[in-house]
Structures are given as C-alpha cells and as structure tokens.
Amino acid sequence: MILAYAGGKMRKHRIKTLAGDRVTIEMSSYDLTKGRITFRHKPEGARPASGNRQATYKTRGRR
C-alpha cells in the first residue's frame, strides 16, 4: 500500500485522478510507503479532446 499525492505539474494543470487510473509514481527513497504521482496515463482507446473546439478569436475577411 502506497500513499501518494499529486505532483506540482499535476496540480498546476488541474489533472484529476480517479480510483483505477494508471499513473506513474516517484517513490521516496527514505520511506517506501510514500510517493508522488507524476503522470496519469490515458485510457486505451481514448480520443483526442481537440475535436469540437470553437475558435476564441474573430476571423477576418469574408463570412
């Protein structure tokens, strides 16, 4: 059993983890029951999130 917390970039970019997610953990060399979550792996078959985004800027030219 390992107790781990979200690393700095995970918190900065607000990456959420749920029970059952596959993650990469850095282990403490002093206490092998504690660690830091450094990466959340995407689930198999995940689609890219950039498909249905609208532009946030106004286009110039013809309509």
Protein backbone atom coordinates (compact mmCIF):
# COMPACT_ATOMS: atom_id res chain seq x y z
CA MET A 1 0.00 0.00 0.00
CA ILE A 2 1.41 3.39 -1.05
CA LEU A 3 0.28 6.86 -0.01
CA ALA A 4 0.87 9.30 -2.87
CA TYR A 5 -0.02 12.91 -3.64
CA ALA A 6 -0.28 14.79 -6.95
CA GLY A 7 3.00 16.38 -8.07
CA GLY A 8 3.43 20.06 -8.88
CA LYS A 9 2.61 19.98 -12.63
CA MET A 10 -0.38 17.71 -11.94
CA ARG A 11 -1.76 20.34 -9.56
CA LYS A 12 -0.78 23.27 -11.79
CA HIS A 13 -2.62 21.88 -14.82
CA ARG A 14 -5.50 20.54 -12.68
CA ILE A 15 -5.12 16.94 -13.86
CA LYS A 16 -7.56 14.79 -11.92
CA THR A 17 -7.02 11.16 -10.97
CA LEU A 18 -9.68 8.65 -10.02
CA ALA A 19 -9.54 5.24 -8.43
CA GLY A 20 -8.48 2.75 -11.08
CA ASP A 21 -6.45 5.22 -13.19
CA ARG A 22 -3.00 4.09 -14.30
CA VAL A 23 -0.37 6.51 -13.02
CA THR A 24 3.41 6.81 -12.74
CA ILE A 25 4.73 7.34 -9.22
CA GLU A 26 8.07 8.59 -7.92
CA MET A 27 8.87 6.73 -4.73
CA SER A 28 10.59 8.27 -1.73
CA SER A 29 13.98 6.72 -1.06
CA TYR A 30 13.52 7.25 2.69
CA ASP A 31 10.03 5.80 3.16
CA LEU A 32 8.84 3.23 0.61
CA THR A 33 5.20 3.72 1.60
CA LYS A 34 5.07 7.30 0.30
CA GLY A 35 5.35 8.75 -3.19
CA ARG A 36 4.37 11.45 -5.69
CA ILE A 37 2.10 10.98 -8.73
CA THR A 38 3.93 12.41 -11.73
CA PHE A 39 1.90 11.22 -14.74
CA ARG A 40 -1.61 9.96 -15.47
CA HIS A 41 -1.73 7.56 -18.42
CA LYS A 42 -4.55 7.97 -20.92
CA PRO A 43 -7.04 5.09 -21.06
CA GLU A 44 -6.84 2.70 -24.01
CA GLY A 45 -8.93 3.86 -26.96
CA ALA A 46 -9.14 7.47 -25.77
CA ARG A 47 -9.94 10.05 -28.43
CA PRO A 48 -8.20 13.43 -28.71
CA ALA A 49 -10.03 16.25 -26.93
CA SER A 50 -9.40 18.90 -29.60
CA GLY A 51 -12.21 17.79 -31.95
CA ASN A 52 -15.14 20.11 -31.20
CA ARG A 53 -13.47 23.31 -30.09
CA GLN A 54 -14.55 26.67 -31.44
CA ALA A 55 -12.08 29.44 -32.14
CA THR A 56 -11.88 32.07 -29.39
CA TYR A 57 -10.87 34.81 -31.80
CA LYS A 58 -12.75 36.67 -34.51
CA THR A 59 -11.92 35.75 -38.07
CA ARG A 60 -11.16 38.46 -40.57
CA GLY A 61 -12.31 38.59 -44.15
CA ARG A 62 -15.40 37.09 -45.79
CA ARG A 63 -18.12 35.34 -43.94
